[in-house]
Amino acid sequence: MNQTPPSPPPTPAPVTTTDAVPPWVAMRRMTAILLLTWFMVTFLCIWFARELDQLHLFGWPVSFYMAAQGTMLIYLAIVAIYIRRMRRIDQLAHREQSHGE
């Protein structure tokens, strides 16, 4: 009885930037989302400042915390997200470019 061993299952093709979204589209989309987040945080804190004054946290109004620390922490998070995502997009684009050569 001459049996051949079963063949291994096919490996899936790696996801590349050409299969997914081009890098410039991903960068534009990410930048638009982060700018919209920045605008909404800035605008909403100012627009609802009187309503936030009614809420108190440790004896201080929430608008004070948002003005003193909250928005700055959100802005810092936006910058950190931008750095991490841009690094990942650049690495994928560089990897795709080096495989294409």
PDB file of N, CA and C in Angstrom:
ATOM      1  N   MET A   1       0.826  -1.158   0.000  1.00  0.00           N
ATOM      2  CA  MET A   1       0.000   0.000   0.000  1.00  0.00           C
ATOM      3  C   MET A   1       0.886   1.243   0.000  1.00  0.00           C
ATOM      4  N   ASN A   2       0.847   1.985  -1.039  1.00  0.00           N
ATOM      5  CA  ASN A   2       1.698   3.144  -1.214  1.00  0.00           C
ATOM      6  C   ASN A   2       0.861   4.413  -1.059  1.00  0.00           C
ATOM      7  N   GLN A   3       0.912   4.992   0.127  1.00  0.00           N
ATOM      8  CA  GLN A   3       0.147   6.210   0.367  1.00  0.00           C
ATOM      9  C   GLN A   3       1.102   7.395   0.435  1.00  0.00           C
ATOM     10  N   THR A   4       0.673   8.468  -0.118  1.00  0.00           N
ATOM     11  CA  THR A   4       1.468   9.696  -0.013  1.00  0.00           C
ATOM     12  C   THR A   4       1.004  10.468   1.217  1.00  0.00           C
ATOM     13  N   PRO A   5       1.932  11.097   1.881  1.00  0.00           N
ATOM     14  CA  PRO A   5       1.540  11.866   3.075  1.00  0.00           C
ATOM     15  C   PRO A   5       0.646  13.035   2.673  1.00  0.00           C
ATOM     16  N   PRO A   6      -0.256  13.425   3.547  1.00  0.00           N
ATOM     17  CA  PRO A   6      -1.139  14.550   3.216  1.00  0.00           C
ATOM     18  C   PRO A   6      -0.336  15.838   3.080  1.00  0.00           C
ATOM     19  N   SER A   7      -0.761  16.647   2.159  1.00  0.00           N
ATOM     20  CA  SER A   7      -0.054  17.908   1.948  1.00  0.00           C
ATOM     21  C   SER A   7      -0.461  18.904   3.033  1.00  0.00           C
ATOM     22  N   PRO A   8       0.466  19.764   3.408  1.00  0.00           N
ATOM     23  CA  PRO A   8       0.140  20.753   4.448  1.00  0.00           C
ATOM     24  C   PRO A   8      -0.899  21.742   3.924  1.00  0.00           C
ATOM     25  N   PRO A   9      -1.677  22.319   4.822  1.00  0.00           N
ATOM     26  CA  PRO A   9      -2.680  23.286   4.369  1.00  0.00           C
ATOM     27  C   PRO A   9      -2.004  24.509   3.786  1.00  0.00           C
ATOM     28  N   PRO A  10      -2.622  25.141   2.830  1.00  0.00           N
ATOM     29  CA  PRO A  10      -2.001  26.329   2.222  1.00  0.00           C
ATOM     30  C   PRO A  10      -1.924  27.467   3.230  1.00  0.00           C
ATOM     31  N   THR A  11      -0.845  28.195   3.155  1.00  0.00           N
ATOM     32  CA  THR A  11      -0.686  29.346   4.057  1.00  0.00           C
ATOM     33  C   THR A  11      -1.370  30.548   3.420  1.00  0.00           C
ATOM     34  N   PRO A  12      -2.067  31.327   4.221  1.00  0.00           N
ATOM     35  CA  PRO A  12      -2.731  32.507   3.662  1.00  0.00           C
ATOM     36  C   PRO A  12      -1.706  33.556   3.257  1.00  0.00           C
ATOM     37  N   ALA A  13      -2.042  34.305   2.252  1.00  0.00           N
ATOM     38  CA  ALA A  13      -1.153  35.360   1.785  1.00  0.00           C
ATOM     39  C   ALA A  13      -1.122  36.481   2.814  1.00  0.00           C
ATOM     40  N   PRO A  14       0.042  37.079   3.036  1.00  0.00           N
ATOM     41  CA  PRO A  14       0.102  38.175   4.009  1.00  0.00           C
ATOM     42  C   PRO A  14      -0.688  39.374   3.504  1.00  0.00           C
ATOM     43  N   VAL A  15      -1.264  40.089   4.441  1.00  0.00           N
ATOM     44  CA  VAL A  15      -2.009  41.284   4.089  1.00  0.00           C
ATOM     45  C   VAL A  15      -1.024  42.399   3.806  1.00  0.00           C
ATOM     46  N   THR A  16      -1.143  42.991   2.673  1.00  0.00           N
ATOM     47  CA  THR A  16      -0.249  44.080   2.296  1.00  0.00           C
ATOM     48  C   THR A  16      -1.067  45.345   2.121  1.00  0.00           C
ATOM     49  N   THR A  17      -0.351  46.441   1.941  1.00  0.00           N
ATOM     50  CA  THR A  17      -1.048  47.708   1.776  1.00  0.00           C
ATOM     51  C   THR A  17      -1.787  47.755   0.451  1.00  0.00           C
ATOM     52  N   THR A  18      -1.338  46.974  -0.545  1.00  0.00           N
ATOM     53  CA  THR A  18      -2.065  46.973  -1.808  1.00  0.00           C
ATOM     54  C   THR A  18      -3.363  46.194  -1.687  1.00  0.00           C
ATOM     55  N   ASP A  19      -3.394  45.167  -0.788  1.00  0.00           N
ATOM     56  CA  ASP A  19      -4.633  44.435  -0.570  1.00  0.00           C
ATOM     57  C   ASP A  19      -5.622  45.267   0.238  1.00  0.00           C
ATOM     58  N   ALA A  20      -5.093  46.066   1.143  1.00  0.00           N
ATOM     59  CA  ALA A  20      -5.943  46.861   2.016  1.00  0.00           C
ATOM     60  C   ALA A  20      -6.011  48.288   1.472  1.00  0.00           C
ATOM     61  N   VAL A  21      -5.859  49.223   2.340  1.00  0.00           N
ATOM     62  CA  VAL A  21      -5.952  50.636   1.987  1.00  0.00           C
ATOM     63  C   VAL A  21      -4.556  51.175   1.714  1.00  0.00           C
ATOM     64  N   PRO A  22      -4.387  52.000   0.674  1.00  0.00           N
ATOM     65  CA  PRO A  22      -3.064  52.606   0.446  1.00  0.00           C
ATOM     66  C   PRO A  22      -2.643  53.460   1.639  1.00  0.00           C
ATOM     67  N   PRO A  23      -1.337  53.592   1.866  1.00  0.00           N
ATOM     68  CA  PRO A  23      -0.864  54.324   3.052  1.00  0.00           C
ATOM     69  C   PRO A  23      -1.358  55.767   3.126  1.00  0.00           C
ATOM     70  N   TRP A  24      -1.403  56.464   2.009  1.00  0.00           N
ATOM     71  CA  TRP A  24      -1.824  57.862   2.061  1.00  0.00           C
ATOM     72  C   TRP A  24      -3.291  57.994   2.434  1.00  0.00           C
ATOM     73  N   VAL A  25      -4.119  57.026   2.056  1.00  0.00           N
ATOM     74  CA  VAL A  25      -5.534  57.059   2.437  1.00  0.00           C
ATOM     75  C   VAL A  25      -5.663  56.814   3.938  1.00  0.00           C
ATOM     76  N   ALA A  26      -4.896  55.863   4.449  1.00  0.00           N
ATOM     77  CA  ALA A  26      -4.935  55.571   5.879  1.00  0.00           C
ATOM     78  C   ALA A  26      -4.450  56.778   6.686  1.00  0.00           C
ATOM     79  N   MET A  27      -3.401  57.473   6.195  1.00  0.00           N
ATOM     80  CA  MET A  27      -2.889  58.649   6.897  1.00  0.00           C
ATOM     81  C   MET A  27      -3.912  59.774   6.893  1.00  0.00           C
ATOM     82  N   ARG A  28      -4.560  59.988   5.755  1.00  0.00           N
ATOM     83  CA  ARG A  28      -5.578  61.041   5.682  1.00  0.00           C
ATOM     84  C   ARG A  28      -6.759  60.749   6.592  1.00  0.00           C
ATOM     85  N   ARG A  29      -7.202  59.499   6.586  1.00  0.00           N
ATOM     86  CA  ARG A  29      -8.339  59.114   7.421  1.00  0.00           C
ATOM     87  C   ARG A  29      -7.997  59.281   8.901  1.00  0.00           C
ATOM     88  N   MET A  30      -6.810  58.826   9.292  1.00  0.00           N
ATOM     89  CA  MET A  30      -6.394  58.942  10.681  1.00  0.00           C
ATOM     90  C   MET A  30      -6.268  60.412  11.086  1.00  0.00           C
ATOM     91  N   THR A  31      -5.674  61.235  10.232  1.00  0.00           N
ATOM     92  CA  THR A  31      -5.524  62.647  10.535  1.00  0.00           C
ATOM     93  C   THR A  31      -6.876  63.327  10.661  1.00  0.00           C
ATOM     94  N   ALA A  32      -7.807  63.000   9.780  1.00  0.00           N
ATOM     95  CA  ALA A  32      -9.140  63.595   9.851  1.00  0.00           C
ATOM     96  C   ALA A  32      -9.857  63.206  11.145  1.00  0.00           C
ATOM     97  N   ILE A  33      -9.756  61.945  11.536  1.00  0.00           N
ATOM     98  CA  ILE A  33     -10.407  61.486  12.771  1.00  0.00           C
ATOM     99  C   ILE A  33      -9.799  62.173  13.989  1.00  0.00           C
ATOM    100  N   LEU A  34      -8.470  62.268  14.028  1.00  0.00           N
ATOM    101  CA  LEU A  34      -7.821  62.898  15.176  1.00  0.00           C
ATOM    102  C   LEU A  34      -8.092  64.402  15.231  1.00  0.00           C
ATOM    103  N   LEU A  35      -8.141  65.069  14.074  1.00  0.00           N
ATOM    104  CA  LEU A  35      -8.479  66.492  14.060  1.00  0.00           C
ATOM    105  C   LEU A  35      -9.922  66.721  14.487  1.00  0.00           C
ATOM    106  N   LEU A  36     -10.813  65.837  14.070  1.00  0.00           N
ATOM    107  CA  LEU A  36     -12.204  65.940  14.497  1.00  0.00           C
ATOM    108  C   LEU A  36     -12.319  65.731  16.009  1.00  0.00           C
ATOM    109  N   THR A  37     -11.563  64.784  16.543  1.00  0.00           N
ATOM    110  CA  THR A  37     -11.552  64.559  17.990  1.00  0.00           C
ATOM    111  C   THR A  37     -11.031  65.788  18.718  1.00  0.00           C
ATOM    112  N   TRP A  38      -9.950  66.363  18.229  1.00  0.00           N
ATOM    113  CA  TRP A  38      -9.391  67.569  18.833  1.00  0.00           C
ATOM    114  C   TRP A  38     -10.414  68.701  18.821  1.00  0.00           C
ATOM    115  N   PHE A  39     -11.071  68.916  17.686  1.00  0.00           N
ATOM    116  CA  PHE A  39     -12.056  69.984  17.579  1.00  0.00           C
ATOM    117  C   PHE A  39     -13.237  69.756  18.513  1.00  0.00           C
ATOM    118  N   MET A  40     -13.720  68.517  18.565  1.00  0.00           N
ATOM    119  CA  MET A  40     -14.879  68.228  19.404  1.00  0.00           C
ATOM    120  C   MET A  40     -14.541  68.401  20.889  1.00  0.00           C
ATOM    121  N   VAL A  41     -13.375  67.953  21.314  1.00  0.00           N
ATOM    122  CA  VAL A  41     -12.987  68.117  22.711  1.00  0.00           C
ATOM    123  C   VAL A  41     -12.885  69.601  23.054  1.00  0.00           C
ATOM    124  N   THR A  42     -12.229  70.360  22.198  1.00  0.00           N
ATOM    125  CA  THR A  42     -12.062  71.785  22.450  1.00  0.00           C
ATOM    126  C   THR A  42     -13.409  72.501  22.428  1.00  0.00           C
ATOM    127  N   PHE A  43     -14.202  72.260  21.420  1.00  0.00           N
ATOM    128  CA  PHE A  43     -15.482  72.936  21.269  1.00  0.00           C
ATOM    129  C   PHE A  43     -16.468  72.539  22.367  1.00  0.00           C
ATOM    130  N   LEU A  44     -16.562  71.248  22.659  1.00  0.00           N
ATOM    131  CA  LEU A  44     -17.542  70.794  23.643  1.00  0.00           C
ATOM    132  C   LEU A  44     -17.211  71.261  25.050  1.00  0.00           C
ATOM    133  N   CYS A  45     -15.941  71.332  25.397  1.00  0.00           N
ATOM    134  CA  CYS A  45     -15.573  71.833  26.729  1.00  0.00           C
ATOM    135  C   CYS A  45     -15.969  73.295  26.893  1.00  0.00           C
ATOM    136  N   ILE A  46     -15.813  74.077  25.850  1.00  0.00           N
ATOM    137  CA  ILE A  46     -16.189  75.487  25.919  1.00  0.00           C
ATOM    138  C   ILE A  46     -17.711  75.643  25.855  1.00  0.00           C
ATOM    139  N   TRP A  47     -18.347  74.906  24.963  1.00  0.00           N
ATOM    140  CA  TRP A  47     -19.795  75.018  24.766  1.00  0.00           C
ATOM    141  C   TRP A  47     -20.568  74.611  26.021  1.00  0.00           C
ATOM    142  N   PHE A  48     -20.135  73.564  26.684  1.00  0.00           N
ATOM    143  CA  PHE A  48     -20.846  73.059  27.860  1.00  0.00           C
ATOM    144  C   PHE A  48     -20.178  73.467  29.176  1.00  0.00           C
ATOM    145  N   ALA A  49     -19.432  74.556  29.187  1.00  0.00           N
ATOM    146  CA  ALA A  49     -18.722  74.969  30.405  1.00  0.00           C
ATOM    147  C   ALA A  49     -19.687  75.276  31.542  1.00  0.00           C
ATOM    148  N   ARG A  50     -20.794  75.937  31.253  1.00  0.00           N
ATOM    149  CA  ARG A  50     -21.752  76.257  32.317  1.00  0.00           C
ATOM    150  C   ARG A  50     -22.387  75.006  32.894  1.00  0.00           C
ATOM    151  N   GLU A  51     -22.706  74.040  32.026  1.00  0.00           N
ATOM    152  CA  GLU A  51     -23.288  72.794  32.516  1.00  0.00           C
ATOM    153  C   GLU A  51     -22.270  71.987  33.323  1.00  0.00           C
ATOM    154  N   LEU A  52     -21.009  72.047  32.900  1.00  0.00           N
ATOM    155  CA  LEU A  52     -19.965  71.331  33.629  1.00  0.00           C
ATOM    156  C   LEU A  52     -19.683  71.967  34.985  1.00  0.00           C
ATOM    157  N   ASP A  53     -20.003  73.259  35.133  1.00  0.00           N
ATOM    158  CA  ASP A  53     -19.829  73.917  36.431  1.00  0.00           C
ATOM    159  C   ASP A  53     -20.776  73.359  37.488  1.00  0.00           C
ATOM    160  N   GLN A  54     -21.882  72.777  37.057  1.00  0.00           N
ATOM    161  CA  GLN A  54     -22.856  72.219  38.005  1.00  0.00           C
ATOM    162  C   GLN A  54     -22.365  70.905  38.609  1.00  0.00           C
ATOM    163  N   LEU A  55     -21.494  70.207  37.894  1.00  0.00           N
ATOM    164  CA  LEU A  55     -20.949  68.945  38.392  1.00  0.00           C
ATOM    165  C   LEU A  55     -19.673  69.227  39.179  1.00  0.00           C
ATOM    166  N   HIS A  56     -19.558  68.598  40.336  1.00  0.00           N
ATOM    167  CA  HIS A  56     -18.381  68.815  41.174  1.00  0.00           C
ATOM    168  C   HIS A  56     -17.644  67.503  41.397  1.00  0.00           C
ATOM    169  N   LEU A  57     -16.329  67.602  41.366  1.00  0.00           N
ATOM    170  CA  LEU A  57     -15.456  66.459  41.584  1.00  0.00           C
ATOM    171  C   LEU A  57     -14.419  66.879  42.628  1.00  0.00           C
ATOM    172  N   PHE A  58     -14.460  66.261  43.795  1.00  0.00           N
ATOM    173  CA  PHE A  58     -13.581  66.603  44.920  1.00  0.00           C
ATOM    174  C   PHE A  58     -13.687  68.074  45.305  1.00  0.00           C
ATOM    175  N   GLY A  59     -14.898  68.599  45.220  1.00  0.00           N
ATOM    176  CA  GLY A  59     -15.137  69.977  45.631  1.00  0.00           C
ATOM    177  C   GLY A  59     -14.886  71.027  44.574  1.00  0.00           C
ATOM    178  N   TRP A  60     -14.409  70.638  43.419  1.00  0.00           N
ATOM    179  CA  TRP A  60     -14.135  71.582  42.336  1.00  0.00           C
ATOM    180  C   TRP A  60     -15.057  71.273  41.162  1.00  0.00           C
ATOM    181  N   PRO A  61     -15.443  72.283  40.391  1.00  0.00           N
ATOM    182  CA  PRO A  61     -16.290  72.022  39.217  1.00  0.00           C
ATOM    183  C   PRO A  61     -15.525  71.232  38.149  1.00  0.00           C
ATOM    184  N   VAL A  62     -16.248  70.409  37.424  1.00  0.00           N
ATOM    185  CA  VAL A  62     -15.624  69.578  36.386  1.00  0.00           C
ATOM    186  C   VAL A  62     -15.014  70.443  35.292  1.00  0.00           C
ATOM    187  N   SER A  63     -15.600  71.607  35.026  1.00  0.00           N
ATOM    188  CA  SER A  63     -15.018  72.492  34.004  1.00  0.00           C
ATOM    189  C   SER A  63     -13.609  72.925  34.387  1.00  0.00           C
ATOM    190  N   PHE A  64     -13.348  73.075  35.688  1.00  0.00           N
ATOM    191  CA  PHE A  64     -11.996  73.411  36.148  1.00  0.00           C
ATOM    192  C   PHE A  64     -11.030  72.282  35.809  1.00  0.00           C
ATOM    193  N   TYR A  65     -11.440  71.029  36.073  1.00  0.00           N
ATOM    194  CA  TYR A  65     -10.575  69.892  35.771  1.00  0.00           C
ATOM    195  C   TYR A  65     -10.324  69.758  34.267  1.00  0.00           C
ATOM    196  N   MET A  66     -11.367  69.983  33.475  1.00  0.00           N
ATOM    197  CA  MET A  66     -11.191  69.884  32.026  1.00  0.00           C
ATOM    198  C   MET A  66     -10.263  70.980  31.524  1.00  0.00           C
ATOM    199  N   ALA A  67     -10.398  72.176  32.060  1.00  0.00           N
ATOM    200  CA  ALA A  67      -9.539  73.275  31.625  1.00  0.00           C
ATOM    201  C   ALA A  67      -8.107  73.098  32.119  1.00  0.00           C
ATOM    202  N   ALA A  68      -7.965  72.616  33.348  1.00  0.00           N
ATOM    203  CA  ALA A  68      -6.638  72.517  33.930  1.00  0.00           C
ATOM    204  C   ALA A  68      -5.868  71.285  33.472  1.00  0.00           C
ATOM    205  N   GLN A  69      -6.564  70.146  33.332  1.00  0.00           N
ATOM    206  CA  GLN A  69      -5.837  68.904  33.064  1.00  0.00           C
ATOM    207  C   GLN A  69      -6.470  68.050  31.974  1.00  0.00           C
ATOM    208  N   GLY A  70      -7.766  67.967  31.964  1.00  0.00           N
ATOM    209  CA  GLY A  70      -8.448  67.008  31.102  1.00  0.00           C
ATOM    210  C   GLY A  70      -8.167  67.178  29.628  1.00  0.00           C
ATOM    211  N   THR A  71      -8.298  68.410  29.140  1.00  0.00           N
ATOM    212  CA  THR A  71      -8.070  68.606  27.713  1.00  0.00           C
ATOM    213  C   THR A  71      -6.608  68.395  27.350  1.00  0.00           C
ATOM    214  N   MET A  72      -5.712  68.782  28.230  1.00  0.00           N
ATOM    215  CA  MET A  72      -4.290  68.561  27.943  1.00  0.00           C
ATOM    216  C   MET A  72      -3.967  67.066  27.857  1.00  0.00           C
ATOM    217  N   LEU A  73      -4.569  66.281  28.722  1.00  0.00           N
ATOM    218  CA  LEU A  73      -4.351  64.834  28.663  1.00  0.00           C
ATOM    219  C   LEU A  73      -4.943  64.241  27.385  1.00  0.00           C
ATOM    220  N   ILE A  74      -6.080  64.750  26.974  1.00  0.00           N
ATOM    221  CA  ILE A  74      -6.685  64.269  25.727  1.00  0.00           C
ATOM    222  C   ILE A  74      -5.808  64.659  24.537  1.00  0.00           C
ATOM    223  N   TYR A  75      -5.281  65.886  24.535  1.00  0.00           N
ATOM    224  CA  TYR A  75      -4.395  66.311  23.451  1.00  0.00           C
ATOM    225  C   TYR A  75      -3.124  65.460  23.416  1.00  0.00           C
ATOM    226  N   LEU A  76      -2.597  65.146  24.571  1.00  0.00           N
ATOM    227  CA  LEU A  76      -1.417  64.278  24.649  1.00  0.00           C
ATOM    228  C   LEU A  76      -1.732  62.883  24.112  1.00  0.00           C
ATOM    229  N   ALA A  77      -2.915  62.379  24.428  1.00  0.00           N
ATOM    230  CA  ALA A  77      -3.326  61.076  23.903  1.00  0.00           C
ATOM    231  C   ALA A  77      -3.470  61.117  22.391  1.00  0.00           C
ATOM    232  N   ILE A  78      -3.990  62.212  21.844  1.00  0.00           N
ATOM    233  CA  ILE A  78      -4.117  62.353  20.391  1.00  0.00           C
ATOM    234  C   ILE A  78      -2.741  62.306  19.734  1.00  0.00           C
ATOM    235  N   VAL A  79      -1.773  63.005  20.306  1.00  0.00           N
ATOM    236  CA  VAL A  79      -0.414  62.998  19.750  1.00  0.00           C
ATOM    237  C   VAL A  79       0.191  61.598  19.838  1.00  0.00           C
ATOM    238  N   ALA A  80       0.005  60.918  20.963  1.00  0.00           N
ATOM    239  CA  ALA A  80       0.552  59.566  21.119  1.00  0.00           C
ATOM    240  C   ALA A  80      -0.081  58.600  20.122  1.00  0.00           C
ATOM    241  N   ILE A  81      -1.386  58.697  19.938  1.00  0.00           N
ATOM    242  CA  ILE A  81      -2.066  57.838  18.954  1.00  0.00           C
ATOM    243  C   ILE A  81      -1.538  58.130  17.565  1.00  0.00           C
ATOM    244  N   TYR A  82      -1.358  59.400  17.226  1.00  0.00           N
ATOM    245  CA  TYR A  82      -0.838  59.768  15.915  1.00  0.00           C
ATOM    246  C   TYR A  82       0.552  59.176  15.687  1.00  0.00           C
ATOM    247  N   ILE A  83       1.413  59.272  16.679  1.00  0.00           N
ATOM    248  CA  ILE A  83       2.776  58.748  16.542  1.00  0.00           C
ATOM    249  C   ILE A  83       2.765  57.242  16.332  1.00  0.00           C
ATOM    250  N   ARG A  84       2.007  56.524  17.160  1.00  0.00           N
ATOM    251  CA  ARG A  84       1.972  55.061  17.037  1.00  0.00           C
ATOM    252  C   ARG A  84       1.397  54.614  15.703  1.00  0.00           C
ATOM    253  N   ARG A  85       0.289  55.212  15.294  1.00  0.00           N
ATOM    254  CA  ARG A  85      -0.347  54.805  14.037  1.00  0.00           C
ATOM    255  C   ARG A  85       0.506  55.179  12.826  1.00  0.00           C
ATOM    256  N   MET A  86       1.112  56.365  12.853  1.00  0.00           N
ATOM    257  CA  MET A  86       1.945  56.785  11.721  1.00  0.00           C
ATOM    258  C   MET A  86       3.165  55.886  11.595  1.00  0.00           C
ATOM    259  N   ARG A  87       3.744  55.490  12.727  1.00  0.00           N
ATOM    260  CA  ARG A  87       4.885  54.579  12.688  1.00  0.00           C
ATOM    261  C   ARG A  87       4.481  53.245  12.060  1.00  0.00           C
ATOM    262  N   ARG A  88       3.313  52.737  12.443  1.00  0.00           N
ATOM    263  CA  ARG A  88       2.830  51.471  11.895  1.00  0.00           C
ATOM    264  C   ARG A  88       2.548  51.587  10.396  1.00  0.00           C
ATOM    265  N   ILE A  89       1.931  52.683   9.971  1.00  0.00           N
ATOM    266  CA  ILE A  89       1.646  52.891   8.551  1.00  0.00           C
ATOM    267  C   ILE A  89       2.942  52.997   7.770  1.00  0.00           C
ATOM    268  N   ASP A  90       3.927  53.734   8.295  1.00  0.00           N
ATOM    269  CA  ASP A  90       5.219  53.859   7.615  1.00  0.00           C
ATOM    270  C   ASP A  90       5.935  52.519   7.502  1.00  0.00           C
ATOM    271  N   GLN A  91       5.879  51.711   8.564  1.00  0.00           N
ATOM    272  CA  GLN A  91       6.520  50.401   8.517  1.00  0.00           C
ATOM    273  C   GLN A  91       5.865  49.511   7.474  1.00  0.00           C
ATOM    274  N   LEU A  92       4.542  49.516   7.408  1.00  0.00           N
ATOM    275  CA  LEU A  92       3.850  48.710   6.397  1.00  0.00           C
ATOM    276  C   LEU A  92       4.181  49.186   4.987  1.00  0.00           C
ATOM    277  N   ALA A  93       4.222  50.489   4.792  1.00  0.00           N
ATOM    278  CA  ALA A  93       4.542  51.027   3.460  1.00  0.00           C
ATOM    279  C   ALA A  93       5.977  50.702   3.086  1.00  0.00           C
ATOM    280  N   HIS A  94       6.906  50.816   4.034  1.00  0.00           N
ATOM    281  CA  HIS A  94       8.307  50.495   3.762  1.00  0.00           C
ATOM    282  C   HIS A  94       8.475  49.008   3.455  1.00  0.00           C
ATOM    283  N   ARG A  95       7.782  48.172   4.224  1.00  0.00           N
ATOM    284  CA  ARG A  95       7.851  46.729   3.998  1.00  0.00           C
ATOM    285  C   ARG A  95       7.302  46.380   2.614  1.00  0.00           C
ATOM    286  N   GLU A  96       6.201  47.000   2.242  1.00  0.00           N
ATOM    287  CA  GLU A  96       5.613  46.740   0.925  1.00  0.00           C
ATOM    288  C   GLU A  96       6.529  47.232  -0.191  1.00  0.00           C
ATOM    289  N   GLN A  97       7.166  48.375   0.025  1.00  0.00           N
ATOM    290  CA  GLN A  97       8.064  48.912  -0.988  1.00  0.00           C
ATOM    291  C   GLN A  97       9.300  48.034  -1.141  1.00  0.00           C
ATOM    292  N   SER A  98       9.835  47.503  -0.046  1.00  0.00           N
ATOM    293  CA  SER A  98      11.025  46.659  -0.140  1.00  0.00           C
ATOM    294  C   SER A  98      10.698  45.307  -0.749  1.00  0.00           C
ATOM    295  N   HIS A  99       9.465  44.804  -0.565  1.00  0.00           N
ATOM    296  CA  HIS A  99       9.077  43.542  -1.195  1.00  0.00           C
ATOM    297  C   HIS A  99       8.821  43.725  -2.688  1.00  0.00           C
ATOM    298  N   GLY A 100       8.448  44.927  -3.097  1.00  0.00           N
ATOM    299  CA  GLY A 100       8.158  45.189  -4.502  1.00  0.00           C
ATOM    300  C   GLY A 100       9.402  45.292  -5.345  1.00  0.00           C
ATOM    301  N   GLU A 101      10.530  45.588  -4.743  1.00  0.00           N
ATOM    302  CA  GLU A 101      11.784  45.756  -5.512  1.00  0.00           C
ATOM    303  C   GLU A 101      12.422  44.457  -5.865  1.00  0.00           C
TER     304      GLU A 101
END
